[in-house]
């Protein structure tokens, strides 16, 4: 059995009046992410981890923010495309672990829905997807409410 580990990281600025999508779930909030797509920073980090595990580049390379084709697109669709690439090469997800650093809004009540959504898109049981929410104790740009950062780690296997 061949195993690969990938790590992804992404950050997005927050601004009032924009929708907030995290892990494929709409978060009730008066602030959202500044982005070319829907700004789902959790899915972006996850895509980068998946691509990185197989040295396939990153989402900025595959889905450039200079292309109108990807403007406003749901990041769940980007994840579907990344998964099609990975499964097409004979790989499958063993597990994914995602950490979201966001001062506000509080997102703990959305974690279960995020796990379910991400698992469904990746074609795995939700027990293989971990989503954790944390703050930065009011330190840095996250603590000041200026943005959100996400780290993702995945393990892939090929029989």
C-alpha atoms as a PDB file:
ATOM      1  CA  UNK A   1       0.000   0.000   0.000  1.00  0.00           C
ATOM      2  CA  UNK A   2       1.293   3.443  -0.948  1.00  0.00           C
ATOM      3  CA  UNK A   3       0.568   6.327   1.463  1.00  0.00           C
ATOM      4  CA  UNK A   4       0.948  10.072   0.987  1.00  0.00           C
ATOM      5  CA  UNK A   5       0.489  12.994   3.379  1.00  0.00           C
ATOM      6  CA  UNK A   6      -0.408  16.500   2.253  1.00  0.00           C
ATOM      7  CA  UNK A   7      -0.602  19.772   4.132  1.00  0.00           C
ATOM      8  CA  UNK A   8      -2.546  22.873   3.093  1.00  0.00           C
ATOM      9  CA  UNK A   9      -2.860  26.401   4.412  1.00  0.00           C
ATOM     10  CA  UNK A  10      -5.013  29.332   3.371  1.00  0.00           C
ATOM     11  CA  UNK A  11      -6.049  32.709   4.694  1.00  0.00           C
ATOM     12  CA  UNK A  12      -8.761  35.171   3.694  1.00  0.00           C
ATOM     13  CA  UNK A  13      -9.569  38.684   4.764  1.00  0.00           C
ATOM     14  CA  UNK A  14     -12.928  39.394   6.401  1.00  0.00           C
ATOM     15  CA  UNK A  15     -15.257  42.202   5.381  1.00  0.00           C
ATOM     16  CA  UNK A  16     -18.750  43.234   6.440  1.00  0.00           C
ATOM     17  CA  UNK A  17     -21.642  42.535   4.101  1.00  0.00           C
ATOM     18  CA  UNK A  18     -20.180  39.427   2.439  1.00  0.00           C
ATOM     19  CA  UNK A  19     -21.441  35.848   2.833  1.00  0.00           C
ATOM     20  CA  UNK A  20     -19.385  33.433   4.922  1.00  0.00           C
ATOM     21  CA  UNK A  21     -18.880  29.871   3.710  1.00  0.00           C
ATOM     22  CA  UNK A  22     -16.745  27.436   5.708  1.00  0.00           C
ATOM     23  CA  UNK A  23     -16.397  23.743   4.981  1.00  0.00           C
ATOM     24  CA  UNK A  24     -19.230  24.005   2.462  1.00  0.00           C
ATOM     25  CA  UNK A  25     -21.646  25.378   5.074  1.00  0.00           C
ATOM     26  CA  UNK A  26     -23.193  28.857   5.082  1.00  0.00           C
ATOM     27  CA  UNK A  27     -22.363  30.544   8.392  1.00  0.00           C
ATOM     28  CA  UNK A  28     -24.858  33.081   9.719  1.00  0.00           C
ATOM     29  CA  UNK A  29     -22.798  36.250  10.055  1.00  0.00           C
ATOM     30  CA  UNK A  30     -22.653  39.890   8.986  1.00  0.00           C
ATOM     31  CA  UNK A  31     -19.043  39.358   7.835  1.00  0.00           C
ATOM     32  CA  UNK A  32     -17.635  37.132   5.122  1.00  0.00           C
ATOM     33  CA  UNK A  33     -14.500  36.439   3.109  1.00  0.00           C
ATOM     34  CA  UNK A  34     -12.982  38.649   0.441  1.00  0.00           C
ATOM     35  CA  UNK A  35     -12.235  36.275  -2.444  1.00  0.00           C
ATOM     36  CA  UNK A  36     -12.532  35.549  -6.159  1.00  0.00           C
ATOM     37  CA  UNK A  37     -14.583  32.390  -5.459  1.00  0.00           C
ATOM     38  CA  UNK A  38     -17.013  32.017  -2.553  1.00  0.00           C
ATOM     39  CA  UNK A  39     -13.956  32.349  -0.281  1.00  0.00           C
ATOM     40  CA  UNK A  40     -14.373  29.061   1.589  1.00  0.00           C
ATOM     41  CA  UNK A  41     -10.945  29.165   3.197  1.00  0.00           C
ATOM     42  CA  UNK A  42     -11.418  25.708   4.784  1.00  0.00           C
ATOM     43  CA  UNK A  43     -12.051  24.019   1.444  1.00  0.00           C
ATOM     44  CA  UNK A  44      -9.174  25.947  -0.137  1.00  0.00           C
ATOM     45  CA  UNK A  45      -6.744  24.642   2.492  1.00  0.00           C
ATOM     46  CA  UNK A  46      -8.174  21.133   2.089  1.00  0.00           C
ATOM     47  CA  UNK A  47      -7.752  21.261  -1.701  1.00  0.00           C
ATOM     48  CA  UNK A  48      -4.144  22.360  -1.287  1.00  0.00           C
ATOM     49  CA  UNK A  49      -3.499  19.483   1.129  1.00  0.00           C
ATOM     50  CA  UNK A  50      -5.012  16.963  -1.302  1.00  0.00           C
ATOM     51  CA  UNK A  51      -3.056  18.343  -4.250  1.00  0.00           C
ATOM     52  CA  UNK A  52       0.122  18.636  -2.221  1.00  0.00           C
ATOM     53  CA  UNK A  53       0.000  14.975  -1.195  1.00  0.00           C
ATOM     54  CA  UNK A  54       0.457  14.028  -4.852  1.00  0.00           C
ATOM     55  CA  UNK A  55       2.661  17.002  -5.853  1.00  0.00           C
ATOM     56  CA  UNK A  56      -0.071  18.288  -8.186  1.00  0.00           C
ATOM     57  CA  UNK A  57       0.422  21.977  -7.419  1.00  0.00           C
ATOM     58  CA  UNK A  58      -2.141  24.130  -5.650  1.00  0.00           C
ATOM     59  CA  UNK A  59      -5.611  25.544  -6.214  1.00  0.00           C
ATOM     60  CA  UNK A  60      -4.206  28.888  -7.335  1.00  0.00           C
ATOM     61  CA  UNK A  61      -2.507  27.073 -10.196  1.00  0.00           C
ATOM     62  CA  UNK A  62      -5.545  24.953 -11.134  1.00  0.00           C
ATOM     63  CA  UNK A  63      -8.207  27.602 -10.533  1.00  0.00           C
ATOM     64  CA  UNK A  64      -6.488  31.004 -10.945  1.00  0.00           C
ATOM     65  CA  UNK A  65      -8.194  34.059  -9.475  1.00  0.00           C
ATOM     66  CA  UNK A  66      -7.459  35.869 -12.730  1.00  0.00           C
ATOM     67  CA  UNK A  67      -9.959  33.669 -14.611  1.00  0.00           C
ATOM     68  CA  UNK A  68     -13.626  34.615 -14.921  1.00  0.00           C
ATOM     69  CA  UNK A  69     -14.387  30.874 -15.116  1.00  0.00           C
ATOM     70  CA  UNK A  70     -13.880  30.591 -11.352  1.00  0.00           C
ATOM     71  CA  UNK A  71     -15.370  33.951 -10.273  1.00  0.00           C
ATOM     72  CA  UNK A  72     -17.961  33.413  -7.538  1.00  0.00           C
ATOM     73  CA  UNK A  73     -17.780  29.615  -7.862  1.00  0.00           C
ATOM     74  CA  UNK A  74     -18.682  27.400  -4.936  1.00  0.00           C
ATOM     75  CA  UNK A  75     -15.507  26.012  -3.417  1.00  0.00           C
ATOM     76  CA  UNK A  76     -17.337  22.695  -3.049  1.00  0.00           C
ATOM     77  CA  UNK A  77     -17.189  22.440  -6.852  1.00  0.00           C
ATOM     78  CA  UNK A  78     -13.444  23.058  -6.713  1.00  0.00           C
ATOM     79  CA  UNK A  79     -13.138  20.261  -4.143  1.00  0.00           C
ATOM     80  CA  UNK A  80     -15.169  17.957  -6.425  1.00  0.00           C
ATOM     81  CA  UNK A  81     -12.753  18.695  -9.278  1.00  0.00           C
ATOM     82  CA  UNK A  82      -9.716  18.062  -7.081  1.00  0.00           C
ATOM     83  CA  UNK A  83     -11.222  14.785  -5.855  1.00  0.00           C
ATOM     84  CA  UNK A  84     -11.939  13.687  -9.443  1.00  0.00           C
ATOM     85  CA  UNK A  85      -8.278  14.255 -10.233  1.00  0.00           C
ATOM     86  CA  UNK A  86      -7.095  12.316  -7.195  1.00  0.00           C
ATOM     87  CA  UNK A  87      -9.461   9.372  -7.605  1.00  0.00           C
ATOM     88  CA  UNK A  88      -8.707   9.333 -11.323  1.00  0.00           C
ATOM     89  CA  UNK A  89      -5.096   8.619 -10.406  1.00  0.00           C
ATOM     90  CA  UNK A  90      -6.208   5.716  -8.198  1.00  0.00           C
ATOM     91  CA  UNK A  91      -5.910   7.429  -4.798  1.00  0.00           C
ATOM     92  CA  UNK A  92      -8.451   7.654  -2.000  1.00  0.00           C
ATOM     93  CA  UNK A  93      -8.700   9.696   1.178  1.00  0.00           C
ATOM     94  CA  UNK A  94      -7.754   7.900   4.388  1.00  0.00           C
ATOM     95  CA  UNK A  95      -8.510  10.916   6.580  1.00  0.00           C
ATOM     96  CA  UNK A  96      -8.507  14.713   6.701  1.00  0.00           C
ATOM     97  CA  UNK A  97      -7.861  16.993   9.674  1.00  0.00           C
ATOM     98  CA  UNK A  98      -8.751  20.692   9.418  1.00  0.00           C
ATOM     99  CA  UNK A  99      -8.130  23.484  11.941  1.00  0.00           C
ATOM    100  CA  UNK A 100      -9.958  26.795  11.503  1.00  0.00           C
ATOM    101  CA  UNK A 101      -8.670  29.868  13.369  1.00  0.00           C
ATOM    102  CA  UNK A 102     -11.389  32.518  13.535  1.00  0.00           C
ATOM    103  CA  UNK A 103     -12.089  34.987  16.325  1.00  0.00           C
ATOM    104  CA  UNK A 104     -15.680  35.638  15.338  1.00  0.00           C
ATOM    105  CA  UNK A 105     -18.272  34.451  14.622  1.00  0.00           C
ATOM    106  CA  UNK A 106     -18.189  31.375  16.810  1.00  0.00           C
ATOM    107  CA  UNK A 107     -18.496  28.323  14.548  1.00  0.00           C
ATOM    108  CA  UNK A 108     -18.499  25.313  16.897  1.00  0.00           C
ATOM    109  CA  UNK A 109     -22.183  24.645  16.205  1.00  0.00           C
ATOM    110  CA  UNK A 110     -21.423  24.286  12.462  1.00  0.00           C
ATOM    111  CA  UNK A 111     -18.591  21.749  12.795  1.00  0.00           C
ATOM    112  CA  UNK A 112     -20.809  18.663  12.445  1.00  0.00           C
ATOM    113  CA  UNK A 113     -22.404  19.982   9.253  1.00  0.00           C
ATOM    114  CA  UNK A 114     -18.963  20.836   7.852  1.00  0.00           C
ATOM    115  CA  UNK A 115     -17.697  17.315   8.557  1.00  0.00           C
ATOM    116  CA  UNK A 116     -20.742  15.783   6.872  1.00  0.00           C
ATOM    117  CA  UNK A 117     -20.496  18.030   3.814  1.00  0.00           C
ATOM    118  CA  UNK A 118     -16.759  17.574   3.295  1.00  0.00           C
ATOM    119  CA  UNK A 119     -17.017  13.808   3.779  1.00  0.00           C
ATOM    120  CA  UNK A 120     -19.812  13.583   1.214  1.00  0.00           C
ATOM    121  CA  UNK A 121     -17.837  15.543  -1.386  1.00  0.00           C
ATOM    122  CA  UNK A 122     -14.713  13.458  -0.749  1.00  0.00           C
ATOM    123  CA  UNK A 123     -16.663  10.190  -0.780  1.00  0.00           C
ATOM    124  CA  UNK A 124     -15.653   9.059   2.701  1.00  0.00           C
ATOM    125  CA  UNK A 125     -17.380   8.428   6.011  1.00  0.00           C
ATOM    126  CA  UNK A 126     -17.594  11.527   8.221  1.00  0.00           C
ATOM    127  CA  UNK A 127     -15.553   9.674  10.858  1.00  0.00           C
ATOM    128  CA  UNK A 128     -12.581  10.234   8.537  1.00  0.00           C
ATOM    129  CA  UNK A 129     -12.968  14.035   8.570  1.00  0.00           C
ATOM    130  CA  UNK A 130     -12.007  16.171  11.556  1.00  0.00           C
ATOM    131  CA  UNK A 131     -12.840  19.875  11.762  1.00  0.00           C
ATOM    132  CA  UNK A 132     -11.665  21.901  14.743  1.00  0.00           C
ATOM    133  CA  UNK A 133     -12.401  25.538  15.525  1.00  0.00           C
ATOM    134  CA  UNK A 134     -10.158  27.793  17.573  1.00  0.00           C
ATOM    135  CA  UNK A 135      -9.483  31.465  18.216  1.00  0.00           C
ATOM    136  CA  UNK A 136      -6.117  33.161  18.566  1.00  0.00           C
ATOM    137  CA  UNK A 137      -6.985  34.693  21.946  1.00  0.00           C
ATOM    138  CA  UNK A 138      -7.357  38.105  20.260  1.00  0.00           C
ATOM    139  CA  UNK A 139      -3.754  38.007  18.977  1.00  0.00           C
ATOM    140  CA  UNK A 140      -2.698  38.870  15.415  1.00  0.00           C
ATOM    141  CA  UNK A 141      -4.882  39.580  12.384  1.00  0.00           C
ATOM    142  CA  UNK A 142      -7.222  36.695  13.288  1.00  0.00           C
ATOM    143  CA  UNK A 143      -7.599  37.951  16.854  1.00  0.00           C
ATOM    144  CA  UNK A 144      -8.373  41.464  15.619  1.00  0.00           C
ATOM    145  CA  UNK A 145     -11.170  40.035  13.443  1.00  0.00           C
ATOM    146  CA  UNK A 146      -9.423  40.949  10.179  1.00  0.00           C
ATOM    147  CA  UNK A 147      -9.240  37.449   8.731  1.00  0.00           C
ATOM    148  CA  UNK A 148      -9.353  33.694   9.072  1.00  0.00           C
ATOM    149  CA  UNK A 149      -6.637  31.102   8.606  1.00  0.00           C
ATOM    150  CA  UNK A 150      -6.993  27.376   8.085  1.00  0.00           C
ATOM    151  CA  UNK A 151      -4.586  24.443   8.165  1.00  0.00           C
ATOM    152  CA  UNK A 152      -5.456  21.075   6.639  1.00  0.00           C
ATOM    153  CA  UNK A 153      -3.660  17.743   6.651  1.00  0.00           C
ATOM    154  CA  UNK A 154      -4.716  14.698   4.641  1.00  0.00           C
ATOM    155  CA  UNK A 155      -3.540  11.149   4.200  1.00  0.00           C
ATOM    156  CA  UNK A 156      -4.140   9.399   0.887  1.00  0.00           C
ATOM    157  CA  UNK A 157      -3.667   5.740   0.025  1.00  0.00           C
ATOM    158  CA  UNK A 158      -3.345   3.703  -3.117  1.00  0.00           C
ATOM    159  CA  UNK A 159      -3.720  -0.081  -2.997  1.00  0.00           C
END
